[in-house]
């Protein structure tokens, strides 16, 4: 199956994470999608850790969930679970496929509200800045008594994404370069966005 794109996930910080040691925890994050798994460093003795780390995975099937898990690092026993959340990238991809150009930095293209079908703890804006579309998320951790994780997500499916994919040694054939560039050219999304701006909708 062809690679659809890359997801850059900046793990910013945890908020009010669960205590798994005597008075604190040694948390780290794991992001997985199918057989891929990448993780952050461990922050010792802090239930409000700051990671500010960028993790990158590739996506072949949008139906395969991207899962963020938080664990407490233990030395002599298995690491303790501190909750998990699904990172839903579909709204961000829809915005990217609008093929917007020339917007002022800081333009809010869309906003996604928390509901029972997502893991958002707060309103999640999709922002255009410096030629890129990113989505800020505060994720509510499930299967745990408390805790949230702040992340920023970026989707790449163009030449830049192709070059990064090659750097990741994903064995994408050179002949697929043109197909990569041609993926998902949906002008209807751009037209819809322009109409929303013209009519003053946020």
C-alpha atoms as a PDB file:
ATOM      1  CA  UNK A   1       0.000   0.000   0.000  1.00  0.00           C
ATOM      2  CA  UNK A   2       1.300   3.465  -0.915  1.00  0.00           C
ATOM      3  CA  UNK A   3       2.270   5.956   1.754  1.00  0.00           C
ATOM      4  CA  UNK A   4      -0.356   8.715   1.964  1.00  0.00           C
ATOM      5  CA  UNK A   5       1.714  11.176   3.970  1.00  0.00           C
ATOM      6  CA  UNK A   6       3.704  11.931   7.080  1.00  0.00           C
ATOM      7  CA  UNK A   7       2.456  13.111  10.441  1.00  0.00           C
ATOM      8  CA  UNK A   8       4.700  15.328  12.527  1.00  0.00           C
ATOM      9  CA  UNK A   9       3.586  15.301  16.144  1.00  0.00           C
ATOM     10  CA  UNK A  10       5.180  17.750  18.542  1.00  0.00           C
ATOM     11  CA  UNK A  11       4.628  16.449  22.065  1.00  0.00           C
ATOM     12  CA  UNK A  12       4.630  19.637  24.106  1.00  0.00           C
ATOM     13  CA  UNK A  13       3.730  18.822  27.692  1.00  0.00           C
ATOM     14  CA  UNK A  14       1.630  16.815  30.095  1.00  0.00           C
ATOM     15  CA  UNK A  15      -0.845  18.385  32.494  1.00  0.00           C
ATOM     16  CA  UNK A  16      -1.865  16.860  35.815  1.00  0.00           C
ATOM     17  CA  UNK A  17      -0.727  13.352  34.975  1.00  0.00           C
ATOM     18  CA  UNK A  18      -1.468  10.496  37.331  1.00  0.00           C
ATOM     19  CA  UNK A  19       0.864   9.637  40.210  1.00  0.00           C
ATOM     20  CA  UNK A  20       2.376   6.185  39.767  1.00  0.00           C
ATOM     21  CA  UNK A  21       5.308   6.325  42.190  1.00  0.00           C
ATOM     22  CA  UNK A  22       5.201   7.476  45.809  1.00  0.00           C
ATOM     23  CA  UNK A  23       4.479  11.151  45.174  1.00  0.00           C
ATOM     24  CA  UNK A  24       5.070  11.635  41.434  1.00  0.00           C
ATOM     25  CA  UNK A  25       5.825   9.808  38.166  1.00  0.00           C
ATOM     26  CA  UNK A  26       8.579   9.479  35.561  1.00  0.00           C
ATOM     27  CA  UNK A  27       6.463   9.899  32.415  1.00  0.00           C
ATOM     28  CA  UNK A  28       7.210   9.406  28.743  1.00  0.00           C
ATOM     29  CA  UNK A  29       4.974   9.239  25.657  1.00  0.00           C
ATOM     30  CA  UNK A  30       4.695   6.568  22.986  1.00  0.00           C
ATOM     31  CA  UNK A  31       3.008   7.278  19.634  1.00  0.00           C
ATOM     32  CA  UNK A  32       2.019   4.259  17.568  1.00  0.00           C
ATOM     33  CA  UNK A  33       0.309   3.644  14.232  1.00  0.00           C
ATOM     34  CA  UNK A  34       0.080   0.074  13.036  1.00  0.00           C
ATOM     35  CA  UNK A  35       3.521  -1.466  13.468  1.00  0.00           C
ATOM     36  CA  UNK A  36       5.290   1.888  13.949  1.00  0.00           C
ATOM     37  CA  UNK A  37       6.210   3.097  17.405  1.00  0.00           C
ATOM     38  CA  UNK A  38       8.149   6.206  18.453  1.00  0.00           C
ATOM     39  CA  UNK A  39       8.624   7.690  21.895  1.00  0.00           C
ATOM     40  CA  UNK A  40       9.820  10.711  23.845  1.00  0.00           C
ATOM     41  CA  UNK A  41      12.445  10.918  26.531  1.00  0.00           C
ATOM     42  CA  UNK A  42      11.595  10.207  30.173  1.00  0.00           C
ATOM     43  CA  UNK A  43      11.026  13.204  32.449  1.00  0.00           C
ATOM     44  CA  UNK A  44      11.942  12.275  36.012  1.00  0.00           C
ATOM     45  CA  UNK A  45       9.691  13.066  38.961  1.00  0.00           C
ATOM     46  CA  UNK A  46       7.166  15.341  37.270  1.00  0.00           C
ATOM     47  CA  UNK A  47       3.421  15.017  36.732  1.00  0.00           C
ATOM     48  CA  UNK A  48       3.473  18.184  34.591  1.00  0.00           C
ATOM     49  CA  UNK A  49       6.368  17.266  32.276  1.00  0.00           C
ATOM     50  CA  UNK A  50       7.600  19.379  29.372  1.00  0.00           C
ATOM     51  CA  UNK A  51       8.899  17.316  26.451  1.00  0.00           C
ATOM     52  CA  UNK A  52       8.819  19.623  23.412  1.00  0.00           C
ATOM     53  CA  UNK A  53       9.846  16.726  21.179  1.00  0.00           C
ATOM     54  CA  UNK A  54       8.883  16.148  17.551  1.00  0.00           C
ATOM     55  CA  UNK A  55       7.984  12.607  16.524  1.00  0.00           C
ATOM     56  CA  UNK A  56       7.321  11.589  12.907  1.00  0.00           C
ATOM     57  CA  UNK A  57       5.370   8.633  11.556  1.00  0.00           C
ATOM     58  CA  UNK A  58       4.083   7.728   8.100  1.00  0.00           C
ATOM     59  CA  UNK A  59       0.485   6.889   7.230  1.00  0.00           C
ATOM     60  CA  UNK A  60      -0.629   4.294   4.696  1.00  0.00           C
ATOM     61  CA  UNK A  61      -4.233   3.851   5.817  1.00  0.00           C
ATOM     62  CA  UNK A  62      -6.328   6.603   7.419  1.00  0.00           C
ATOM     63  CA  UNK A  63      -8.506   3.988   9.117  1.00  0.00           C
ATOM     64  CA  UNK A  64      -5.561   2.848  11.265  1.00  0.00           C
ATOM     65  CA  UNK A  65      -5.641   4.974  14.442  1.00  0.00           C
ATOM     66  CA  UNK A  66      -2.730   7.029  15.717  1.00  0.00           C
ATOM     67  CA  UNK A  67      -2.513   6.342  19.437  1.00  0.00           C
ATOM     68  CA  UNK A  68      -0.661   8.321  22.074  1.00  0.00           C
ATOM     69  CA  UNK A  69       0.113   6.463  25.302  1.00  0.00           C
ATOM     70  CA  UNK A  70       1.758   7.745  28.461  1.00  0.00           C
ATOM     71  CA  UNK A  71       3.804   5.490  30.720  1.00  0.00           C
ATOM     72  CA  UNK A  72       5.660   5.802  34.010  1.00  0.00           C
ATOM     73  CA  UNK A  73       9.211   4.514  33.659  1.00  0.00           C
ATOM     74  CA  UNK A  74      10.142   1.879  36.222  1.00  0.00           C
ATOM     75  CA  UNK A  75      13.551   0.296  36.694  1.00  0.00           C
ATOM     76  CA  UNK A  76      12.777  -3.119  38.135  1.00  0.00           C
ATOM     77  CA  UNK A  77       9.154  -3.695  37.063  1.00  0.00           C
ATOM     78  CA  UNK A  78       7.056  -3.150  33.950  1.00  0.00           C
ATOM     79  CA  UNK A  79       6.334   0.475  33.126  1.00  0.00           C
ATOM     80  CA  UNK A  80       2.992   1.662  34.510  1.00  0.00           C
ATOM     81  CA  UNK A  81       0.158   2.817  32.262  1.00  0.00           C
ATOM     82  CA  UNK A  82      -0.760   6.502  32.622  1.00  0.00           C
ATOM     83  CA  UNK A  83      -3.507   6.691  30.003  1.00  0.00           C
ATOM     84  CA  UNK A  84      -3.949   6.914  26.255  1.00  0.00           C
ATOM     85  CA  UNK A  85      -5.685   8.977  23.569  1.00  0.00           C
ATOM     86  CA  UNK A  86      -6.397   8.746  19.848  1.00  0.00           C
ATOM     87  CA  UNK A  87      -4.980  11.534  17.662  1.00  0.00           C
ATOM     88  CA  UNK A  88      -7.590  12.182  14.972  1.00  0.00           C
ATOM     89  CA  UNK A  89      -5.850  13.756  11.951  1.00  0.00           C
ATOM     90  CA  UNK A  90      -8.781  13.667   9.510  1.00  0.00           C
ATOM     91  CA  UNK A  91      -9.984  17.270  10.142  1.00  0.00           C
ATOM     92  CA  UNK A  92      -6.425  18.537   9.659  1.00  0.00           C
ATOM     93  CA  UNK A  93      -6.034  16.609   6.393  1.00  0.00           C
ATOM     94  CA  UNK A  94      -9.280  18.106   5.088  1.00  0.00           C
ATOM     95  CA  UNK A  95      -7.892  21.585   5.752  1.00  0.00           C
ATOM     96  CA  UNK A  96      -4.558  20.777   4.088  1.00  0.00           C
ATOM     97  CA  UNK A  97      -6.363  19.563   0.981  1.00  0.00           C
ATOM     98  CA  UNK A  98      -8.037  22.939   0.552  1.00  0.00           C
ATOM     99  CA  UNK A  99      -4.724  23.933  -1.083  1.00  0.00           C
ATOM    100  CA  UNK A 100      -4.778  27.381   0.495  1.00  0.00           C
ATOM    101  CA  UNK A 101      -2.073  29.894  -0.348  1.00  0.00           C
ATOM    102  CA  UNK A 102      -1.232  33.421   0.712  1.00  0.00           C
ATOM    103  CA  UNK A 103      -3.218  33.524   3.938  1.00  0.00           C
ATOM    104  CA  UNK A 104      -2.011  35.850   6.712  1.00  0.00           C
ATOM    105  CA  UNK A 105       0.005  34.084   9.387  1.00  0.00           C
ATOM    106  CA  UNK A 106      -2.199  33.061  12.282  1.00  0.00           C
ATOM    107  CA  UNK A 107      -5.339  32.537  10.171  1.00  0.00           C
ATOM    108  CA  UNK A 108      -7.664  30.052  11.849  1.00  0.00           C
ATOM    109  CA  UNK A 109      -8.866  27.769   9.084  1.00  0.00           C
ATOM    110  CA  UNK A 110     -11.078  25.566  11.242  1.00  0.00           C
ATOM    111  CA  UNK A 111     -11.771  24.569  14.809  1.00  0.00           C
ATOM    112  CA  UNK A 112     -12.747  21.188  16.162  1.00  0.00           C
ATOM    113  CA  UNK A 113     -14.781  20.992  19.330  1.00  0.00           C
ATOM    114  CA  UNK A 114     -14.556  18.250  21.973  1.00  0.00           C
ATOM    115  CA  UNK A 115     -17.201  15.549  21.732  1.00  0.00           C
ATOM    116  CA  UNK A 116     -17.698  11.956  22.771  1.00  0.00           C
ATOM    117  CA  UNK A 117     -16.225  10.730  19.491  1.00  0.00           C
ATOM    118  CA  UNK A 118     -12.814  12.363  19.996  1.00  0.00           C
ATOM    119  CA  UNK A 119     -10.259  12.708  22.792  1.00  0.00           C
ATOM    120  CA  UNK A 120     -10.118  16.501  22.840  1.00  0.00           C
ATOM    121  CA  UNK A 121     -10.248  18.246  26.193  1.00  0.00           C
ATOM    122  CA  UNK A 122     -10.666  21.714  24.657  1.00  0.00           C
ATOM    123  CA  UNK A 123     -11.341  23.492  21.365  1.00  0.00           C
ATOM    124  CA  UNK A 124      -8.718  22.480  18.802  1.00  0.00           C
ATOM    125  CA  UNK A 125      -7.786  25.155  16.205  1.00  0.00           C
ATOM    126  CA  UNK A 126      -6.294  24.476  12.781  1.00  0.00           C
ATOM    127  CA  UNK A 127      -3.921  27.360  12.040  1.00  0.00           C
ATOM    128  CA  UNK A 128      -2.143  28.571   8.892  1.00  0.00           C
ATOM    129  CA  UNK A 129       1.305  29.910   9.764  1.00  0.00           C
ATOM    130  CA  UNK A 130       4.429  30.418   7.636  1.00  0.00           C
ATOM    131  CA  UNK A 131       3.080  28.343   4.785  1.00  0.00           C
ATOM    132  CA  UNK A 132       2.101  25.399   6.978  1.00  0.00           C
ATOM    133  CA  UNK A 133      -1.138  24.056   8.398  1.00  0.00           C
ATOM    134  CA  UNK A 134      -0.979  22.793  11.980  1.00  0.00           C
ATOM    135  CA  UNK A 135      -3.503  21.702  14.574  1.00  0.00           C
ATOM    136  CA  UNK A 136      -3.094  22.272  18.299  1.00  0.00           C
ATOM    137  CA  UNK A 137      -4.692  19.619  20.484  1.00  0.00           C
ATOM    138  CA  UNK A 138      -5.143  19.147  24.197  1.00  0.00           C
ATOM    139  CA  UNK A 139      -5.793  15.428  24.533  1.00  0.00           C
ATOM    140  CA  UNK A 140      -7.798  13.996  27.406  1.00  0.00           C
ATOM    141  CA  UNK A 141      -6.213  10.728  28.490  1.00  0.00           C
ATOM    142  CA  UNK A 142      -8.518   7.724  28.783  1.00  0.00           C
ATOM    143  CA  UNK A 143      -8.299   4.644  31.011  1.00  0.00           C
ATOM    144  CA  UNK A 144      -6.709   6.669  33.808  1.00  0.00           C
ATOM    145  CA  UNK A 145      -7.933   8.822  36.672  1.00  0.00           C
ATOM    146  CA  UNK A 146      -6.559  12.125  35.342  1.00  0.00           C
ATOM    147  CA  UNK A 147      -4.218  13.780  32.882  1.00  0.00           C
ATOM    148  CA  UNK A 148      -3.973  15.666  29.595  1.00  0.00           C
ATOM    149  CA  UNK A 149      -1.264  16.017  26.944  1.00  0.00           C
ATOM    150  CA  UNK A 150      -0.741  19.032  24.682  1.00  0.00           C
ATOM    151  CA  UNK A 151       0.427  18.292  21.131  1.00  0.00           C
ATOM    152  CA  UNK A 152       0.744  20.056  17.793  1.00  0.00           C
ATOM    153  CA  UNK A 153       0.164  18.043  14.624  1.00  0.00           C
ATOM    154  CA  UNK A 154       1.274  18.708  11.036  1.00  0.00           C
ATOM    155  CA  UNK A 155       0.384  16.659   7.941  1.00  0.00           C
ATOM    156  CA  UNK A 156       2.747  16.434   4.951  1.00  0.00           C
ATOM    157  CA  UNK A 157       1.827  14.868   1.623  1.00  0.00           C
ATOM    158  CA  UNK A 158       3.897  16.902  -0.860  1.00  0.00           C
ATOM    159  CA  UNK A 159       7.498  16.990  -2.074  1.00  0.00           C
ATOM    160  CA  UNK A 160       8.717  17.888   1.406  1.00  0.00           C
ATOM    161  CA  UNK A 161       6.940  14.869   2.796  1.00  0.00           C
ATOM    162  CA  UNK A 162       8.381  12.664   0.065  1.00  0.00           C
ATOM    163  CA  UNK A 163      11.935  13.763   0.852  1.00  0.00           C
ATOM    164  CA  UNK A 164      11.392  13.080   4.557  1.00  0.00           C
ATOM    165  CA  UNK A 165       9.965   9.686   3.715  1.00  0.00           C
ATOM    166  CA  UNK A 166      13.082   8.863   1.729  1.00  0.00           C
ATOM    167  CA  UNK A 167      15.211  10.005   4.660  1.00  0.00           C
ATOM    168  CA  UNK A 168      13.245   7.617   6.887  1.00  0.00           C
ATOM    169  CA  UNK A 169      14.216   4.780   4.469  1.00  0.00           C
ATOM    170  CA  UNK A 170      10.631   3.841   3.756  1.00  0.00           C
ATOM    171  CA  UNK A 171      11.672   2.412   0.358  1.00  0.00           C
ATOM    172  CA  UNK A 172       9.335   4.570  -1.689  1.00  0.00           C
ATOM    173  CA  UNK A 173      10.088   4.038  -5.373  1.00  0.00           C
ATOM    174  CA  UNK A 174      11.415   7.094  -7.216  1.00  0.00           C
ATOM    175  CA  UNK A 175       8.764   6.531  -9.882  1.00  0.00           C
ATOM    176  CA  UNK A 176       6.118   7.286  -7.230  1.00  0.00           C
ATOM    177  CA  UNK A 177       7.404  10.849  -6.771  1.00  0.00           C
ATOM    178  CA  UNK A 178       4.980  12.286  -9.353  1.00  0.00           C
ATOM    179  CA  UNK A 179       2.110  10.333  -7.835  1.00  0.00           C
ATOM    180  CA  UNK A 180       3.031  11.684  -4.396  1.00  0.00           C
ATOM    181  CA  UNK A 181       2.934  15.265  -5.704  1.00  0.00           C
ATOM    182  CA  UNK A 182      -0.406  14.660  -7.430  1.00  0.00           C
ATOM    183  CA  UNK A 183      -2.202  13.189  -4.430  1.00  0.00           C
ATOM    184  CA  UNK A 184      -5.443  14.699  -3.176  1.00  0.00           C
ATOM    185  CA  UNK A 185      -5.913  17.748  -5.446  1.00  0.00           C
ATOM    186  CA  UNK A 186      -9.371  18.720  -4.238  1.00  0.00           C
ATOM    187  CA  UNK A 187     -10.290  22.227  -5.342  1.00  0.00           C
ATOM    188  CA  UNK A 188     -13.732  21.873  -3.796  1.00  0.00           C
ATOM    189  CA  UNK A 189     -12.215  22.258  -0.341  1.00  0.00           C
ATOM    190  CA  UNK A 190     -10.555  25.514  -1.405  1.00  0.00           C
ATOM    191  CA  UNK A 191     -13.826  26.813  -2.869  1.00  0.00           C
ATOM    192  CA  UNK A 192     -15.689  25.927   0.302  1.00  0.00           C
ATOM    193  CA  UNK A 193     -13.161  27.764   2.439  1.00  0.00           C
ATOM    194  CA  UNK A 194     -13.249  30.874   0.227  1.00  0.00           C
ATOM    195  CA  UNK A 195     -17.050  30.939   0.424  1.00  0.00           C
ATOM    196  CA  UNK A 196     -16.883  30.733   4.224  1.00  0.00           C
ATOM    197  CA  UNK A 197     -14.469  33.672   4.340  1.00  0.00           C
ATOM    198  CA  UNK A 198     -16.609  35.743   1.951  1.00  0.00           C
ATOM    199  CA  UNK A 199     -19.676  35.236   4.106  1.00  0.00           C
ATOM    200  CA  UNK A 200     -17.846  36.009   7.325  1.00  0.00           C
ATOM    201  CA  UNK A 201     -18.066  32.565   8.921  1.00  0.00           C
ATOM    202  CA  UNK A 202     -15.374  31.508  11.394  1.00  0.00           C
END
